[in-house]
Amino acid sequence: MPSRTERAVDVTTASIPLAVVPAAATLLSLSKVARALAARGGGGATFPFPTGLPTLWTYVSLPNGPGGPGGAAAGGPLSVLAFLPLFLVGLLITSALEAGFLGALLGRIDDAPPAFVESVERFTVRMVGVNLVRTAVVLAALPFLVFPPLALAVVVVLSYLVYGLPFELVVSDAPLGAALASTVERALDGGAYASFGFAHLLAGSVASFFVTGLVRNTGVLGVVLGAAIVAVPAVFVATYGLLVFRGFDG
């Protein structure tokens, strides 16, 4: 019987066309593209837990800028009103792409035809909830910004507890609340959940050091190359995550 890694490689190889999804999601994140192009050099690294739709921005450390933390608030109420529709449209598009991406990969894992469109229809509304939970993790750290190490600790702990939510949601096809409860329970149990999460955090931070330098120092070319470089590994990460959660159910 093949190992989980071998199975993930096999499914990734058979699902190369789906690499267009993380590449497209990267380029459609216009605020992050703008921040990358405004960076004008520099470096850095992120420490990412796995996500259901990894993109270039999962692994790139960006400075604050257009669309960055506090950007809308700094412009006052009018800026907030202008930002909100863009946020909602981006939230819906990202959620639909993640829903279709994970659903299609799960179909491939189950030796069924990839059902991207059907998965978009089935999971998008709940995936919007997943992305709102992710947003809440960041917002929860804001009161602690007066002491940055504590704010970072809050983000790391909460991110660990919920990183598996999109995988749990698609594998179990459960309501958002039930999927969130199961995810937190698996996080507290450790095991394969912890192993996958922290292995990705370590490997992702190393890759991030190089990808961040590429993107922040080569402008548009770096963004395009970075999107292409990350696309296929993103398929592997998402596939492996689905296999981990499929394993919880035997």
Protein backbone atom coordinates (compact mmCIF):
# COMPACT_ATOMS: atom_id res chain seq x y z
CA MET A 1 0.00 0.00 0.00
CA PRO A 2 1.50 3.37 -0.99
CA SER A 3 2.42 5.84 1.73
CA ARG A 4 0.52 9.09 2.12
CA THR A 5 3.37 10.97 0.45
CA GLU A 6 3.48 8.55 -2.49
CA ARG A 7 -0.28 8.81 -2.91
CA ALA A 8 -0.10 12.62 -2.77
CA VAL A 9 2.60 12.59 -5.47
CA ASP A 10 0.49 10.30 -7.67
CA VAL A 11 -2.62 12.46 -7.30
CA THR A 12 -0.62 15.65 -7.89
CA THR A 13 0.90 14.21 -11.06
CA ALA A 14 -2.57 13.30 -12.32
CA SER A 15 -3.93 16.74 -11.39
CA ILE A 16 -1.38 19.09 -12.95
CA PRO A 17 -4.08 21.05 -14.84
CA LEU A 18 -5.49 22.13 -11.47
CA ALA A 19 -2.25 24.06 -10.84
CA VAL A 20 -3.85 26.88 -12.82
CA VAL A 21 -6.15 27.51 -9.83
CA PRO A 22 -3.48 28.62 -7.29
CA ALA A 23 -1.70 30.53 -10.07
CA ALA A 24 -4.91 32.37 -10.93
CA ALA A 25 -5.68 33.01 -7.26
CA THR A 26 -2.24 34.57 -6.88
CA LEU A 27 -2.73 37.00 -9.75
CA LEU A 28 -6.31 37.85 -8.75
CA SER A 29 -5.14 39.04 -5.31
CA LEU A 30 -4.66 42.55 -6.66
CA SER A 31 -3.99 44.21 -3.31
CA LYS A 32 -1.15 41.80 -2.60
CA VAL A 33 0.23 42.22 -6.11
CA ALA A 34 0.23 45.98 -5.50
CA ARG A 35 2.01 45.57 -2.17
CA ALA A 36 4.63 43.32 -3.77
CA LEU A 37 5.29 45.80 -6.57
CA ALA A 38 5.53 48.64 -4.06
CA ALA A 39 8.05 46.78 -1.88
CA ARG A 40 11.10 48.02 -3.83
CA GLY A 41 13.47 45.35 -2.60
CA GLY A 42 14.07 43.74 0.74
CA GLY A 43 13.44 40.26 2.02
CA GLY A 44 11.82 38.34 4.81
CA ALA A 45 9.96 35.13 5.45
CA THR A 46 6.58 33.85 6.55
CA PHE A 47 5.78 30.90 8.79
CA PRO A 48 2.71 29.43 7.12
CA PHE A 49 0.46 26.63 8.26
CA PRO A 50 -1.13 24.65 5.40
CA THR A 51 -4.12 26.08 3.60
CA GLY A 52 -6.66 24.60 1.23
CA LEU A 53 -5.56 26.87 -1.61
CA PRO A 54 -1.88 27.77 -1.21
CA THR A 55 -0.81 30.68 -3.40
CA LEU A 56 2.34 32.67 -3.87
CA TRP A 57 1.16 34.99 -1.08
CA THR A 58 1.13 32.08 1.37
CA TYR A 59 4.92 32.11 1.17
CA VAL A 60 5.79 35.78 0.57
CA SER A 61 6.42 38.30 3.32
CA LEU A 62 4.87 41.59 2.21
CA PRO A 63 5.24 45.04 3.78
CA ASN A 64 2.16 46.99 4.71
CA GLY A 65 0.83 49.01 1.84
CA PRO A 66 -2.24 49.18 -0.41
CA GLY A 67 -4.73 46.84 1.18
CA GLY A 68 -2.39 46.19 4.10
CA PRO A 69 -3.33 46.16 7.78
CA GLY A 70 -4.83 49.50 8.73
CA GLY A 71 -4.81 50.76 5.16
CA ALA A 72 -8.56 51.31 4.94
CA ALA A 73 -8.86 52.65 8.46
CA ALA A 74 -6.15 55.22 7.82
CA GLY A 75 -8.27 56.77 5.09
CA GLY A 76 -11.34 57.18 7.26
CA PRO A 77 -14.95 56.03 6.73
CA LEU A 78 -14.97 56.72 3.00
CA SER A 79 -11.97 54.46 2.49
CA VAL A 80 -13.69 51.74 4.49
CA LEU A 81 -16.81 52.04 2.35
CA ALA A 82 -14.71 51.81 -0.81
CA PHE A 83 -12.73 48.87 0.53
CA LEU A 84 -15.67 46.76 1.72
CA PRO A 85 -17.17 45.86 -1.71
CA LEU A 86 -13.71 44.89 -2.99
CA PHE A 87 -13.16 42.75 0.10
CA LEU A 88 -16.50 40.97 -0.36
CA VAL A 89 -15.90 40.30 -4.06
CA GLY A 90 -12.41 38.99 -3.34
CA LEU A 91 -13.76 36.85 -0.50
CA LEU A 92 -16.35 35.26 -2.78
CA ILE A 93 -13.91 34.61 -5.63
CA THR A 94 -11.25 33.15 -3.34
CA SER A 95 -13.80 30.95 -1.58
CA ALA A 96 -15.17 29.64 -4.87
CA LEU A 97 -11.69 28.82 -6.16
CA GLU A 98 -10.75 27.03 -2.93
CA ALA A 99 -14.03 25.09 -2.91
CA GLY A 100 -13.60 23.93 -6.49
CA PHE A 101 -9.90 23.18 -6.05
CA LEU A 102 -10.30 21.00 -2.96
CA GLY A 103 -13.44 19.31 -4.24
CA ALA A 104 -11.79 18.41 -7.54
CA LEU A 105 -8.72 17.01 -5.76
CA LEU A 106 -10.88 14.98 -3.40
CA GLY A 107 -12.60 13.48 -6.43
CA ARG A 108 -9.21 12.53 -7.85
CA ILE A 109 -8.22 10.93 -4.52
CA ASP A 110 -11.42 8.88 -4.61
CA ASP A 111 -10.73 7.84 -8.22
CA ALA A 112 -13.74 9.81 -9.41
CA PRO A 113 -13.79 12.44 -12.16
CA PRO A 114 -12.67 15.85 -10.81
CA ALA A 115 -15.84 17.88 -10.23
CA PHE A 116 -14.62 21.47 -10.02
CA VAL A 117 -17.88 23.22 -10.94
CA GLU A 118 -19.99 20.92 -8.77
CA SER A 119 -17.64 21.54 -5.84
CA VAL A 120 -17.90 25.30 -6.33
CA GLU A 121 -21.67 25.00 -6.08
CA ARG A 122 -21.51 22.67 -3.09
CA PHE A 123 -18.88 24.26 -0.86
CA THR A 124 -18.52 27.96 -1.72
CA VAL A 125 -20.95 29.35 0.85
CA ARG A 126 -19.34 27.35 3.65
CA MET A 127 -15.87 28.24 2.37
CA VAL A 128 -16.80 31.91 2.76
CA GLY A 129 -17.29 31.05 6.42
CA VAL A 130 -13.85 29.42 6.49
CA ASN A 131 -12.27 32.59 5.17
CA LEU A 132 -14.14 34.71 7.70
CA VAL A 133 -12.73 32.49 10.45
CA ARG A 134 -9.24 33.14 9.03
CA THR A 135 -9.95 36.88 9.06
CA ALA A 136 -11.12 36.61 12.67
CA VAL A 137 -7.76 35.06 13.61
CA VAL A 138 -5.97 38.19 12.40
CA LEU A 139 -8.47 40.53 14.03
CA ALA A 140 -8.13 38.67 17.33
CA ALA A 141 -4.45 39.64 17.44
CA LEU A 142 -5.03 43.37 16.93
CA PRO A 143 -5.58 44.22 20.62
CA PHE A 144 -2.18 42.68 21.39
CA LEU A 145 -0.18 44.71 18.85
CA VAL A 146 1.09 46.92 21.66
CA PHE A 147 3.27 43.90 22.50
CA PRO A 148 4.14 42.33 19.11
CA PRO A 149 5.51 39.01 20.44
CA LEU A 150 2.20 38.36 22.18
CA ALA A 151 0.25 39.27 19.03
CA LEU A 152 2.41 36.83 17.05
CA ALA A 153 1.81 34.10 19.61
CA VAL A 154 -1.97 34.64 19.39
CA VAL A 155 -1.88 34.38 15.59
CA VAL A 156 0.26 31.22 15.65
CA VAL A 157 -1.91 29.44 18.22
CA LEU A 158 -5.21 30.35 16.57
CA SER A 159 -3.86 29.62 13.08
CA TYR A 160 -2.76 26.17 14.23
CA LEU A 161 -6.18 25.43 15.72
CA VAL A 162 -8.08 26.28 12.53
CA TYR A 163 -5.67 25.65 9.63
CA GLY A 164 -7.34 22.31 8.88
CA LEU A 165 -10.85 23.74 8.59
CA PRO A 166 -11.09 23.75 4.76
CA PHE A 167 -9.84 20.16 4.58
CA GLU A 168 -12.26 19.00 7.28
CA LEU A 169 -15.13 20.84 5.63
CA VAL A 170 -14.65 19.23 2.22
CA VAL A 171 -13.75 15.73 3.43
CA SER A 172 -16.61 15.48 5.93
CA ASP A 173 -19.05 17.66 3.96
CA ALA A 174 -20.22 18.94 7.35
CA PRO A 175 -21.80 22.25 8.36
CA LEU A 176 -19.27 24.95 9.16
CA GLY A 177 -19.81 24.83 12.93
CA ALA A 178 -19.43 21.05 13.11
CA ALA A 179 -16.35 21.17 10.88
CA LEU A 180 -14.79 23.86 13.07
CA ALA A 181 -15.42 21.86 16.24
CA SER A 182 -13.90 18.72 14.68
CA THR A 183 -10.88 20.68 13.44
CA VAL A 184 -10.12 22.15 16.85
CA GLU A 185 -10.51 18.71 18.42
CA ARG A 186 -8.03 17.21 15.95
CA ALA A 187 -5.62 20.10 16.58
CA LEU A 188 -5.72 19.49 20.33
CA ASP A 189 -5.16 15.76 19.79
CA GLY A 190 -1.94 16.50 17.88
CA GLY A 191 -0.91 13.43 15.87
CA ALA A 192 -1.03 13.71 12.09
CA TYR A 193 -2.69 17.14 12.33
CA ALA A 194 0.24 18.59 14.26
CA SER A 195 2.86 16.74 12.18
CA PHE A 196 1.46 18.06 8.90
CA GLY A 197 0.94 21.57 10.22
CA PHE A 198 4.40 22.08 11.70
CA ALA A 199 6.22 20.26 8.88
CA HIS A 200 4.59 22.67 6.43
CA LEU A 201 5.39 25.63 8.68
CA LEU A 202 9.08 24.66 8.73
CA ALA A 203 9.39 23.84 5.02
CA GLY A 204 7.26 26.82 4.06
CA SER A 205 9.39 29.24 6.06
CA VAL A 206 12.56 28.04 4.30
CA ALA A 207 10.93 28.33 0.86
CA SER A 208 9.49 31.69 1.83
CA PHE A 209 12.94 33.19 2.37
CA PHE A 210 13.85 32.57 -1.28
CA VAL A 211 10.44 33.30 -2.82
CA THR A 212 10.11 36.58 -0.90
CA GLY A 213 13.48 37.75 -2.21
CA LEU A 214 12.48 36.84 -5.77
CA VAL A 215 9.15 38.67 -5.66
CA ARG A 216 10.25 41.79 -3.80
CA ASN A 217 13.34 42.37 -5.93
CA THR A 218 12.17 41.56 -9.47
CA GLY A 219 8.77 43.26 -9.72
CA VAL A 220 6.20 41.96 -12.18
CA LEU A 221 8.53 39.23 -13.45
CA GLY A 222 8.99 37.96 -9.91
CA VAL A 223 5.24 37.82 -9.30
CA VAL A 224 4.62 35.87 -12.51
CA LEU A 225 7.54 33.49 -11.93
CA GLY A 226 6.58 33.05 -8.28
CA ALA A 227 3.00 32.20 -9.20
CA ALA A 228 4.27 29.54 -11.61
CA ILE A 229 6.84 28.15 -9.15
CA VAL A 230 4.30 27.72 -6.36
CA ALA A 231 1.44 26.35 -8.49
CA VAL A 232 2.34 22.63 -8.60
CA PRO A 233 3.61 22.42 -4.98
CA ALA A 234 0.28 24.00 -4.01
CA VAL A 235 -1.53 21.05 -5.57
CA PHE A 236 0.66 18.68 -3.55
CA VAL A 237 0.06 20.54 -0.26
CA ALA A 238 -3.71 20.57 -0.75
CA THR A 239 -3.73 16.90 -1.78
CA TYR A 240 -1.65 15.88 1.22
CA GLY A 241 -3.95 17.81 3.54
CA LEU A 242 -7.00 16.05 2.13
CA LEU A 243 -5.29 12.69 2.59
CA VAL A 244 -4.48 13.52 6.21
CA PHE A 245 -8.12 14.32 6.94
CA ARG A 246 -9.35 11.37 4.91
CA GLY A 247 -7.16 9.23 7.17
CA PHE A 248 -8.94 10.50 10.29
CA ASP A 249 -12.09 8.82 9.01
CA GLY A 250 -10.26 5.59 8.18
